[in-house]
């Protein structure tokens, strides 16, 4: 486990930027329930409120439920991620603290301030929660050209929980808020979170929540990472690339570091704070 370097305030939101899950075991709720109550800015017909543990228990009983129900699937992904990091921290004589995931629609109030769905998925270090608006995954396909698929979602969740790992290790506090640029500490922080997502994917089967991670799963994750590269987003939204405004890294860099994490399966290889990226 390694720390990085530069200071982001604890009140700054970070981020915002599964095939094979039929084998998800039916033990999602035997331990940690990772969800908080869903927050909505406007009524959302047909959306399940998931604050009640009994609601999720009733909906998510089997691997087939996880394959068919998006919320059940994300519960399994989150539990797998946190199972892995608990073991990885323990192997370094450290203690991992579970974080919670809060689903919201439209907008929500957080300890890092008021946030709308336009922010995309993010992690708030002040309350140690990951915030997800599930409509983001549709936007990822329609607006930014990702191939989609359940493991694209898993990559995004893995990335945001990578920020939680950085928060626990103290890496996040060394990155100054508002820094931008192609080699900035902010970009290095995001690329390390991408690498951590890849590390979890390599170790996901060992957590007992997945039966396999296929080549198609990895392709979905890489497509999502490529879609949210700074250069690709800038090209699509403003028609030109502005490296001095980069905050997350290029498409090439993001896929590179997901691959490094996946190839080695070792968080110690996520050395984005040293050398070229």
C-alpha atoms as a PDB file:
ATOM      1  CA  UNK A   1       0.000   0.000   0.000  1.00  0.00           C
ATOM      2  CA  UNK A   2       1.456   3.359  -0.973  1.00  0.00           C
ATOM      3  CA  UNK A   3       0.598   6.997  -0.370  1.00  0.00           C
ATOM      4  CA  UNK A   4       0.805   9.797  -2.885  1.00  0.00           C
ATOM      5  CA  UNK A   5       1.716  13.408  -2.733  1.00  0.00           C
ATOM      6  CA  UNK A   6       0.175  17.582  -3.017  1.00  0.00           C
ATOM      7  CA  UNK A   7      -3.989  18.856  -0.332  1.00  0.00           C
ATOM      8  CA  UNK A   8      -7.571  18.536  -1.012  1.00  0.00           C
ATOM      9  CA  UNK A   9      -9.903  19.688   1.726  1.00  0.00           C
ATOM     10  CA  UNK A  10     -12.037  17.046   3.377  1.00  0.00           C
ATOM     11  CA  UNK A  11     -15.133  18.921   2.232  1.00  0.00           C
ATOM     12  CA  UNK A  12     -14.267  18.548  -1.457  1.00  0.00           C
ATOM     13  CA  UNK A  13     -16.125  15.914  -3.470  1.00  0.00           C
ATOM     14  CA  UNK A  14     -13.781  13.653  -5.414  1.00  0.00           C
ATOM     15  CA  UNK A  15     -14.626  11.931  -8.676  1.00  0.00           C
ATOM     16  CA  UNK A  16     -17.469  12.793 -10.991  1.00  0.00           C
ATOM     17  CA  UNK A  17     -16.427  11.926 -12.846  1.00  0.00           C
ATOM     18  CA  UNK A  18     -21.766  -7.383 -14.597  1.00  0.00           C
ATOM     19  CA  UNK A  19     -21.516 -10.071 -17.002  1.00  0.00           C
ATOM     20  CA  UNK A  20     -20.501 -13.059 -14.916  1.00  0.00           C
ATOM     21  CA  UNK A  21     -22.570 -11.859 -11.949  1.00  0.00           C
ATOM     22  CA  UNK A  22     -24.956 -14.791 -12.159  1.00  0.00           C
ATOM     23  CA  UNK A  23     -22.485 -16.399  -9.791  1.00  0.00           C
ATOM     24  CA  UNK A  24     -22.968 -13.687  -7.166  1.00  0.00           C
ATOM     25  CA  UNK A  25     -23.496 -15.613  -3.968  1.00  0.00           C
ATOM     26  CA  UNK A  26     -26.610 -15.110  -1.873  1.00  0.00           C
ATOM     27  CA  UNK A  27     -24.801 -13.674   1.114  1.00  0.00           C
ATOM     28  CA  UNK A  28     -25.090 -10.002   0.245  1.00  0.00           C
ATOM     29  CA  UNK A  29     -26.822  -9.123   3.480  1.00  0.00           C
ATOM     30  CA  UNK A  30     -25.215 -11.512   5.903  1.00  0.00           C
ATOM     31  CA  UNK A  31     -22.705  -8.777   6.680  1.00  0.00           C
ATOM     32  CA  UNK A  32     -22.409  -5.110   5.761  1.00  0.00           C
ATOM     33  CA  UNK A  33     -25.316  -3.355   4.065  1.00  0.00           C
ATOM     34  CA  UNK A  34     -23.550  -0.661   2.028  1.00  0.00           C
ATOM     35  CA  UNK A  35     -26.573   1.467   1.158  1.00  0.00           C
ATOM     36  CA  UNK A  36     -27.946   4.621   2.724  1.00  0.00           C
ATOM     37  CA  UNK A  37     -31.405   5.999   2.063  1.00  0.00           C
ATOM     38  CA  UNK A  38     -31.980   7.161  -1.499  1.00  0.00           C
ATOM     39  CA  UNK A  39     -32.356  10.906  -1.913  1.00  0.00           C
ATOM     40  CA  UNK A  40     -34.519  12.425  -4.651  1.00  0.00           C
ATOM     41  CA  UNK A  41     -34.882  16.018  -5.773  1.00  0.00           C
ATOM     42  CA  UNK A  42     -38.126  15.224  -7.594  1.00  0.00           C
ATOM     43  CA  UNK A  43     -40.454  12.233  -7.405  1.00  0.00           C
ATOM     44  CA  UNK A  44     -39.169   9.296  -9.412  1.00  0.00           C
ATOM     45  CA  UNK A  45     -41.915   6.879 -10.357  1.00  0.00           C
ATOM     46  CA  UNK A  46     -41.014   3.255  -9.987  1.00  0.00           C
ATOM     47  CA  UNK A  47     -37.757   3.906  -8.126  1.00  0.00           C
ATOM     48  CA  UNK A  48     -37.332   1.790  -5.021  1.00  0.00           C
ATOM     49  CA  UNK A  49     -36.440   3.427  -1.748  1.00  0.00           C
ATOM     50  CA  UNK A  50     -33.576   1.350  -0.427  1.00  0.00           C
ATOM     51  CA  UNK A  51     -32.921   2.764   3.013  1.00  0.00           C
ATOM     52  CA  UNK A  52     -34.764  -0.119   4.655  1.00  0.00           C
ATOM     53  CA  UNK A  53     -32.631  -3.211   5.092  1.00  0.00           C
ATOM     54  CA  UNK A  54     -35.731  -5.400   4.738  1.00  0.00           C
ATOM     55  CA  UNK A  55     -36.458  -3.972   1.273  1.00  0.00           C
ATOM     56  CA  UNK A  56     -33.071  -5.017  -0.006  1.00  0.00           C
ATOM     57  CA  UNK A  57     -33.236  -8.375   1.713  1.00  0.00           C
ATOM     58  CA  UNK A  58     -36.537  -9.098  -0.015  1.00  0.00           C
ATOM     59  CA  UNK A  59     -35.253  -8.008  -3.422  1.00  0.00           C
ATOM     60  CA  UNK A  60     -31.777  -9.538  -3.326  1.00  0.00           C
ATOM     61  CA  UNK A  61     -31.772 -13.193  -2.372  1.00  0.00           C
ATOM     62  CA  UNK A  62     -29.888 -14.954  -5.164  1.00  0.00           C
ATOM     63  CA  UNK A  63     -27.266 -14.464  -7.835  1.00  0.00           C
ATOM     64  CA  UNK A  64     -30.091 -14.320 -10.379  1.00  0.00           C
ATOM     65  CA  UNK A  65     -31.555 -11.348  -8.477  1.00  0.00           C
ATOM     66  CA  UNK A  66     -28.225  -9.579  -8.812  1.00  0.00           C
ATOM     67  CA  UNK A  67     -28.147 -10.344 -12.527  1.00  0.00           C
ATOM     68  CA  UNK A  68     -31.601  -8.828 -13.046  1.00  0.00           C
ATOM     69  CA  UNK A  69     -31.732  -6.035 -10.459  1.00  0.00           C
ATOM     70  CA  UNK A  70     -29.335  -3.112 -10.838  1.00  0.00           C
ATOM     71  CA  UNK A  71     -29.411  -2.190  -7.168  1.00  0.00           C
ATOM     72  CA  UNK A  72     -28.757  -5.780  -6.087  1.00  0.00           C
ATOM     73  CA  UNK A  73     -25.861  -5.938  -8.528  1.00  0.00           C
ATOM     74  CA  UNK A  74     -24.265  -2.805  -7.100  1.00  0.00           C
ATOM     75  CA  UNK A  75     -24.704  -4.135  -3.557  1.00  0.00           C
ATOM     76  CA  UNK A  76     -22.713  -7.200  -4.582  1.00  0.00           C
ATOM     77  CA  UNK A  77     -20.028  -5.113  -6.272  1.00  0.00           C
ATOM     78  CA  UNK A  78     -19.640  -2.821  -3.249  1.00  0.00           C
ATOM     79  CA  UNK A  79     -19.432  -5.732  -0.839  1.00  0.00           C
ATOM     80  CA  UNK A  80     -16.853  -7.446  -3.037  1.00  0.00           C
ATOM     81  CA  UNK A  81     -14.761  -4.271  -3.242  1.00  0.00           C
ATOM     82  CA  UNK A  82     -14.821  -3.720   0.504  1.00  0.00           C
ATOM     83  CA  UNK A  83     -14.107  -7.371   1.210  1.00  0.00           C
ATOM     84  CA  UNK A  84     -10.986  -7.099  -0.927  1.00  0.00           C
ATOM     85  CA  UNK A  85      -9.744  -3.860   0.648  1.00  0.00           C
ATOM     86  CA  UNK A  86     -10.362  -5.162   4.159  1.00  0.00           C
ATOM     87  CA  UNK A  87      -7.956  -8.004   3.427  1.00  0.00           C
ATOM     88  CA  UNK A  88      -5.444  -5.816   1.589  1.00  0.00           C
ATOM     89  CA  UNK A  89      -5.265  -3.365   4.487  1.00  0.00           C
ATOM     90  CA  UNK A  90      -4.930  -6.186   7.007  1.00  0.00           C
ATOM     91  CA  UNK A  91      -2.026  -7.622   5.019  1.00  0.00           C
ATOM     92  CA  UNK A  92      -0.230  -4.316   5.592  1.00  0.00           C
ATOM     93  CA  UNK A  93      -1.198  -4.210   9.290  1.00  0.00           C
ATOM     94  CA  UNK A  94      -3.751  -1.481   8.600  1.00  0.00           C
ATOM     95  CA  UNK A  95      -7.474  -1.282   9.321  1.00  0.00           C
ATOM     96  CA  UNK A  96      -9.965  -0.674   6.540  1.00  0.00           C
ATOM     97  CA  UNK A  97     -13.164   1.162   7.482  1.00  0.00           C
ATOM     98  CA  UNK A  98     -16.260   0.391   5.419  1.00  0.00           C
ATOM     99  CA  UNK A  99     -17.835   3.235   3.477  1.00  0.00           C
ATOM    100  CA  UNK A 100     -21.469   3.513   2.437  1.00  0.00           C
ATOM    101  CA  UNK A 101     -23.001   4.078  -0.976  1.00  0.00           C
ATOM    102  CA  UNK A 102     -25.920   6.457  -1.364  1.00  0.00           C
ATOM    103  CA  UNK A 103     -28.062   6.314  -4.489  1.00  0.00           C
ATOM    104  CA  UNK A 104     -29.828   9.511  -5.465  1.00  0.00           C
ATOM    105  CA  UNK A 105     -31.915  10.894  -8.289  1.00  0.00           C
ATOM    106  CA  UNK A 106     -31.576  14.448  -9.546  1.00  0.00           C
ATOM    107  CA  UNK A 107     -29.718  15.971  -6.610  1.00  0.00           C
ATOM    108  CA  UNK A 108     -28.696  15.324  -3.031  1.00  0.00           C
ATOM    109  CA  UNK A 109     -27.237  17.094  -0.021  1.00  0.00           C
ATOM    110  CA  UNK A 110     -23.875  15.800   1.200  1.00  0.00           C
ATOM    111  CA  UNK A 111     -21.279  16.806   3.749  1.00  0.00           C
ATOM    112  CA  UNK A 112     -19.330  18.143   0.757  1.00  0.00           C
ATOM    113  CA  UNK A 113     -22.256  20.352  -0.296  1.00  0.00           C
ATOM    114  CA  UNK A 114     -25.256  20.151  -2.588  1.00  0.00           C
ATOM    115  CA  UNK A 115     -24.674  17.980  -5.646  1.00  0.00           C
ATOM    116  CA  UNK A 116     -26.710  17.304  -8.772  1.00  0.00           C
ATOM    117  CA  UNK A 117     -26.589  14.354 -11.141  1.00  0.00           C
ATOM    118  CA  UNK A 118     -24.479  16.500 -13.507  1.00  0.00           C
ATOM    119  CA  UNK A 119     -21.535  15.953 -11.175  1.00  0.00           C
ATOM    120  CA  UNK A 120     -21.569  12.234 -11.918  1.00  0.00           C
ATOM    121  CA  UNK A 121     -20.548   9.609  -9.346  1.00  0.00           C
ATOM    122  CA  UNK A 122     -18.341  11.005  -6.582  1.00  0.00           C
ATOM    123  CA  UNK A 123     -16.808  10.330  -3.196  1.00  0.00           C
ATOM    124  CA  UNK A 124     -17.186  12.745  -0.295  1.00  0.00           C
ATOM    125  CA  UNK A 125     -14.294  12.397   2.182  1.00  0.00           C
ATOM    126  CA  UNK A 126     -16.129  14.444   4.830  1.00  0.00           C
ATOM    127  CA  UNK A 127     -18.812  11.788   5.327  1.00  0.00           C
ATOM    128  CA  UNK A 128     -16.882   8.903   3.736  1.00  0.00           C
ATOM    129  CA  UNK A 129     -19.694   8.021   1.332  1.00  0.00           C
ATOM    130  CA  UNK A 130     -19.844   7.178  -2.360  1.00  0.00           C
ATOM    131  CA  UNK A 131     -22.730   8.881  -4.181  1.00  0.00           C
ATOM    132  CA  UNK A 132     -24.251   7.361  -7.320  1.00  0.00           C
ATOM    133  CA  UNK A 133     -26.999   8.560  -9.626  1.00  0.00           C
ATOM    134  CA  UNK A 134     -27.792   5.457 -11.661  1.00  0.00           C
ATOM    135  CA  UNK A 135     -28.784   7.569 -14.698  1.00  0.00           C
ATOM    136  CA  UNK A 136     -25.065   8.344 -15.114  1.00  0.00           C
ATOM    137  CA  UNK A 137     -24.496   4.919 -16.600  1.00  0.00           C
ATOM    138  CA  UNK A 138     -27.009   5.633 -19.364  1.00  0.00           C
ATOM    139  CA  UNK A 139     -25.281   8.964 -20.025  1.00  0.00           C
ATOM    140  CA  UNK A 140     -21.944   7.187 -20.229  1.00  0.00           C
ATOM    141  CA  UNK A 141     -23.242   5.239 -23.207  1.00  0.00           C
ATOM    142  CA  UNK A 142     -25.419   7.797 -24.954  1.00  0.00           C
ATOM    143  CA  UNK A 143     -23.294  10.911 -24.552  1.00  0.00           C
ATOM    144  CA  UNK A 144     -19.741   9.620 -24.245  1.00  0.00           C
ATOM    145  CA  UNK A 145     -19.843   6.459 -26.312  1.00  0.00           C
ATOM    146  CA  UNK A 146     -18.983   3.786 -23.755  1.00  0.00           C
ATOM    147  CA  UNK A 147     -20.022   0.275 -24.678  1.00  0.00           C
ATOM    148  CA  UNK A 148     -21.973  -0.061 -21.445  1.00  0.00           C
ATOM    149  CA  UNK A 149     -22.602  -3.283 -19.587  1.00  0.00           C
ATOM    150  CA  UNK A 150     -22.635  -4.290 -15.926  1.00  0.00           C
ATOM    151  CA  UNK A 151     -18.860  -4.235 -15.545  1.00  0.00           C
ATOM    152  CA  UNK A 152     -18.727  -0.650 -16.766  1.00  0.00           C
ATOM    153  CA  UNK A 153     -20.777   0.095 -13.661  1.00  0.00           C
ATOM    154  CA  UNK A 154     -18.470  -2.039 -11.549  1.00  0.00           C
ATOM    155  CA  UNK A 155     -15.429  -0.081 -12.767  1.00  0.00           C
ATOM    156  CA  UNK A 156     -17.048   3.231 -11.809  1.00  0.00           C
ATOM    157  CA  UNK A 157     -17.928   1.950  -8.336  1.00  0.00           C
ATOM    158  CA  UNK A 158     -14.426   0.511  -7.948  1.00  0.00           C
ATOM    159  CA  UNK A 159     -12.921   3.876  -8.902  1.00  0.00           C
ATOM    160  CA  UNK A 160     -14.983   5.786  -6.342  1.00  0.00           C
ATOM    161  CA  UNK A 161     -14.116   3.304  -3.606  1.00  0.00           C
ATOM    162  CA  UNK A 162     -10.504   3.766  -4.687  1.00  0.00           C
ATOM    163  CA  UNK A 163     -10.910   7.343  -3.478  1.00  0.00           C
ATOM    164  CA  UNK A 164     -12.101   6.016  -0.123  1.00  0.00           C
ATOM    165  CA  UNK A 165      -8.909   3.961   0.077  1.00  0.00           C
ATOM    166  CA  UNK A 166      -6.882   7.096  -0.709  1.00  0.00           C
ATOM    167  CA  UNK A 167      -8.729   8.961   2.012  1.00  0.00           C
ATOM    168  CA  UNK A 168      -7.974   6.270   4.589  1.00  0.00           C
ATOM    169  CA  UNK A 169      -4.303   6.187   3.576  1.00  0.00           C
ATOM    170  CA  UNK A 170      -3.961   9.979   3.747  1.00  0.00           C
ATOM    171  CA  UNK A 171      -3.137  10.320   0.043  1.00  0.00           C
ATOM    172  CA  UNK A 172      -6.092  12.579  -0.644  1.00  0.00           C
ATOM    173  CA  UNK A 173      -5.039  15.145   1.959  1.00  0.00           C
ATOM    174  CA  UNK A 174      -1.788  15.728   0.097  1.00  0.00           C
ATOM    175  CA  UNK A 175      -3.478  16.935  -3.090  1.00  0.00           C
ATOM    176  CA  UNK A 176      -4.357  20.613  -3.251  1.00  0.00           C
ATOM    177  CA  UNK A 177      -7.913  21.465  -4.223  1.00  0.00           C
ATOM    178  CA  UNK A 178      -8.352  23.081  -7.620  1.00  0.00           C
ATOM    179  CA  UNK A 179      -5.097  21.916  -9.178  1.00  0.00           C
ATOM    180  CA  UNK A 180      -5.347  21.031 -12.858  1.00  0.00           C
ATOM    181  CA  UNK A 181      -3.006  20.054 -15.656  1.00  0.00           C
ATOM    182  CA  UNK A 182      -1.800  16.996 -17.521  1.00  0.00           C
ATOM    183  CA  UNK A 183       0.656  15.939 -14.805  1.00  0.00           C
ATOM    184  CA  UNK A 184      -1.051  17.571 -11.830  1.00  0.00           C
ATOM    185  CA  UNK A 185      -1.506  15.825  -8.473  1.00  0.00           C
ATOM    186  CA  UNK A 186      -5.269  15.856  -9.142  1.00  0.00           C
ATOM    187  CA  UNK A 187      -4.791  13.781 -12.295  1.00  0.00           C
ATOM    188  CA  UNK A 188      -2.398  11.444 -10.502  1.00  0.00           C
ATOM    189  CA  UNK A 189      -4.983  10.938  -7.745  1.00  0.00           C
ATOM    190  CA  UNK A 190      -7.661   9.981 -10.271  1.00  0.00           C
ATOM    191  CA  UNK A 191      -5.375   7.625 -12.186  1.00  0.00           C
ATOM    192  CA  UNK A 192      -4.430   5.886  -8.960  1.00  0.00           C
ATOM    193  CA  UNK A 193      -8.144   5.368  -8.234  1.00  0.00           C
ATOM    194  CA  UNK A 194      -8.450   3.835 -11.721  1.00  0.00           C
ATOM    195  CA  UNK A 195      -5.559   1.534 -10.891  1.00  0.00           C
ATOM    196  CA  UNK A 196      -7.183   0.553  -7.600  1.00  0.00           C
ATOM    197  CA  UNK A 197     -10.363  -0.333  -9.523  1.00  0.00           C
ATOM    198  CA  UNK A 198      -8.284  -2.625 -11.730  1.00  0.00           C
ATOM    199  CA  UNK A 199      -6.651  -4.205  -8.687  1.00  0.00           C
ATOM    200  CA  UNK A 200     -10.056  -5.055  -7.242  1.00  0.00           C
ATOM    201  CA  UNK A 201     -11.196  -6.552 -10.577  1.00  0.00           C
ATOM    202  CA  UNK A 202      -8.183  -8.882 -10.597  1.00  0.00           C
ATOM    203  CA  UNK A 203      -9.030 -10.032  -7.055  1.00  0.00           C
ATOM    204  CA  UNK A 204     -12.832  -9.962  -7.282  1.00  0.00           C
ATOM    205  CA  UNK A 205     -13.296 -13.716  -7.596  1.00  0.00           C
ATOM    206  CA  UNK A 206     -11.270 -14.300  -4.436  1.00  0.00           C
ATOM    207  CA  UNK A 207     -13.783 -12.242  -2.438  1.00  0.00           C
ATOM    208  CA  UNK A 208     -16.433 -14.901  -3.025  1.00  0.00           C
ATOM    209  CA  UNK A 209     -18.974 -12.565  -4.604  1.00  0.00           C
ATOM    210  CA  UNK A 210     -18.117 -13.341  -8.243  1.00  0.00           C
ATOM    211  CA  UNK A 211     -17.487 -16.590 -10.044  1.00  0.00           C
ATOM    212  CA  UNK A 212     -15.349 -15.088 -12.804  1.00  0.00           C
ATOM    213  CA  UNK A 213     -14.168 -11.887 -14.480  1.00  0.00           C
ATOM    214  CA  UNK A 214     -14.143 -12.429 -18.227  1.00  0.00           C
ATOM    215  CA  UNK A 215     -12.382 -10.690 -21.070  1.00  0.00           C
ATOM    216  CA  UNK A 216     -15.711  -9.104 -21.967  1.00  0.00           C
ATOM    217  CA  UNK A 217     -16.033  -7.749 -18.415  1.00  0.00           C
ATOM    218  CA  UNK A 218     -12.605  -6.134 -18.670  1.00  0.00           C
ATOM    219  CA  UNK A 219     -13.475  -4.706 -22.098  1.00  0.00           C
ATOM    220  CA  UNK A 220     -16.591  -3.061 -20.633  1.00  0.00           C
ATOM    221  CA  UNK A 221     -14.526  -1.504 -17.837  1.00  0.00           C
ATOM    222  CA  UNK A 222     -11.868  -0.219 -20.232  1.00  0.00           C
ATOM    223  CA  UNK A 223     -14.513   1.229 -22.545  1.00  0.00           C
ATOM    224  CA  UNK A 224     -15.972   3.168 -19.622  1.00  0.00           C
ATOM    225  CA  UNK A 225     -12.528   4.411 -18.551  1.00  0.00           C
ATOM    226  CA  UNK A 226     -11.749   5.498 -22.106  1.00  0.00           C
ATOM    227  CA  UNK A 227     -15.079   7.315 -22.411  1.00  0.00           C
ATOM    228  CA  UNK A 228     -14.375   9.560 -19.413  1.00  0.00           C
ATOM    229  CA  UNK A 229     -10.848  10.638 -20.381  1.00  0.00           C
ATOM    230  CA  UNK A 230     -10.370  14.393 -20.188  1.00  0.00           C
ATOM    231  CA  UNK A 231      -9.331  14.641 -23.832  1.00  0.00           C
ATOM    232  CA  UNK A 232     -12.352  12.720 -25.060  1.00  0.00           C
ATOM    233  CA  UNK A 233     -14.817  14.666 -22.932  1.00  0.00           C
ATOM    234  CA  UNK A 234     -13.289  17.999 -23.946  1.00  0.00           C
ATOM    235  CA  UNK A 235     -13.385  17.057 -27.625  1.00  0.00           C
ATOM    236  CA  UNK A 236     -17.046  16.121 -27.392  1.00  0.00           C
ATOM    237  CA  UNK A 237     -18.178  19.074 -25.279  1.00  0.00           C
ATOM    238  CA  UNK A 238     -16.025  21.978 -26.475  1.00  0.00           C
ATOM    239  CA  UNK A 239     -14.477  20.778 -29.717  1.00  0.00           C
ATOM    240  CA  UNK A 240     -10.830  20.990 -28.650  1.00  0.00           C
ATOM    241  CA  UNK A 241      -8.436  19.554 -26.080  1.00  0.00           C
ATOM    242  CA  UNK A 242      -7.038  21.750 -23.278  1.00  0.00           C
ATOM    243  CA  UNK A 243      -4.362  19.817 -21.338  1.00  0.00           C
ATOM    244  CA  UNK A 244      -3.843  22.531 -18.719  1.00  0.00           C
ATOM    245  CA  UNK A 245      -7.474  21.983 -17.654  1.00  0.00           C
ATOM    246  CA  UNK A 246      -7.135  18.203 -17.213  1.00  0.00           C
ATOM    247  CA  UNK A 247      -8.394  16.869 -13.877  1.00  0.00           C
ATOM    248  CA  UNK A 248      -8.700  13.106 -14.453  1.00  0.00           C
ATOM    249  CA  UNK A 249      -6.261  12.097 -17.196  1.00  0.00           C
ATOM    250  CA  UNK A 250      -6.554  11.186 -20.859  1.00  0.00           C
ATOM    251  CA  UNK A 251      -8.405   8.186 -22.207  1.00  0.00           C
ATOM    252  CA  UNK A 252      -5.076   6.473 -22.854  1.00  0.00           C
ATOM    253  CA  UNK A 253      -3.863   7.132 -19.322  1.00  0.00           C
ATOM    254  CA  UNK A 254      -7.077   5.955 -17.710  1.00  0.00           C
ATOM    255  CA  UNK A 255      -7.155   2.667 -19.593  1.00  0.00           C
ATOM    256  CA  UNK A 256      -3.412   2.224 -18.998  1.00  0.00           C
ATOM    257  CA  UNK A 257      -3.772   2.416 -15.222  1.00  0.00           C
ATOM    258  CA  UNK A 258      -6.859   0.223 -15.084  1.00  0.00           C
ATOM    259  CA  UNK A 259      -4.826  -2.347 -17.015  1.00  0.00           C
ATOM    260  CA  UNK A 260      -1.837  -2.004 -14.671  1.00  0.00           C
ATOM    261  CA  UNK A 261      -4.073  -2.621 -11.682  1.00  0.00           C
ATOM    262  CA  UNK A 262      -5.717  -5.584 -13.352  1.00  0.00           C
ATOM    263  CA  UNK A 263      -2.512  -7.105 -14.713  1.00  0.00           C
ATOM    264  CA  UNK A 264      -0.681  -7.062 -11.370  1.00  0.00           C
ATOM    265  CA  UNK A 265      -3.560  -7.201  -8.886  1.00  0.00           C
ATOM    266  CA  UNK A 266      -1.330  -5.343  -6.428  1.00  0.00           C
ATOM    267  CA  UNK A 267      -2.107  -1.834  -5.056  1.00  0.00           C
ATOM    268  CA  UNK A 268       1.631  -1.317  -4.589  1.00  0.00           C
ATOM    269  CA  UNK A 269       1.883  -1.098  -8.386  1.00  0.00           C
ATOM    270  CA  UNK A 270      -0.420   1.929  -8.490  1.00  0.00           C
ATOM    271  CA  UNK A 271       2.529   4.336  -8.397  1.00  0.00           C
ATOM    272  CA  UNK A 272       0.939   7.268 -10.202  1.00  0.00           C
ATOM    273  CA  UNK A 273       2.579   9.791  -7.868  1.00  0.00           C
ATOM    274  CA  UNK A 274       6.070   8.985  -9.108  1.00  0.00           C
ATOM    275  CA  UNK A 275       7.505   9.255 -12.610  1.00  0.00           C
ATOM    276  CA  UNK A 276       5.639   9.618 -15.882  1.00  0.00           C
ATOM    277  CA  UNK A 277       1.966   8.786 -16.092  1.00  0.00           C
END
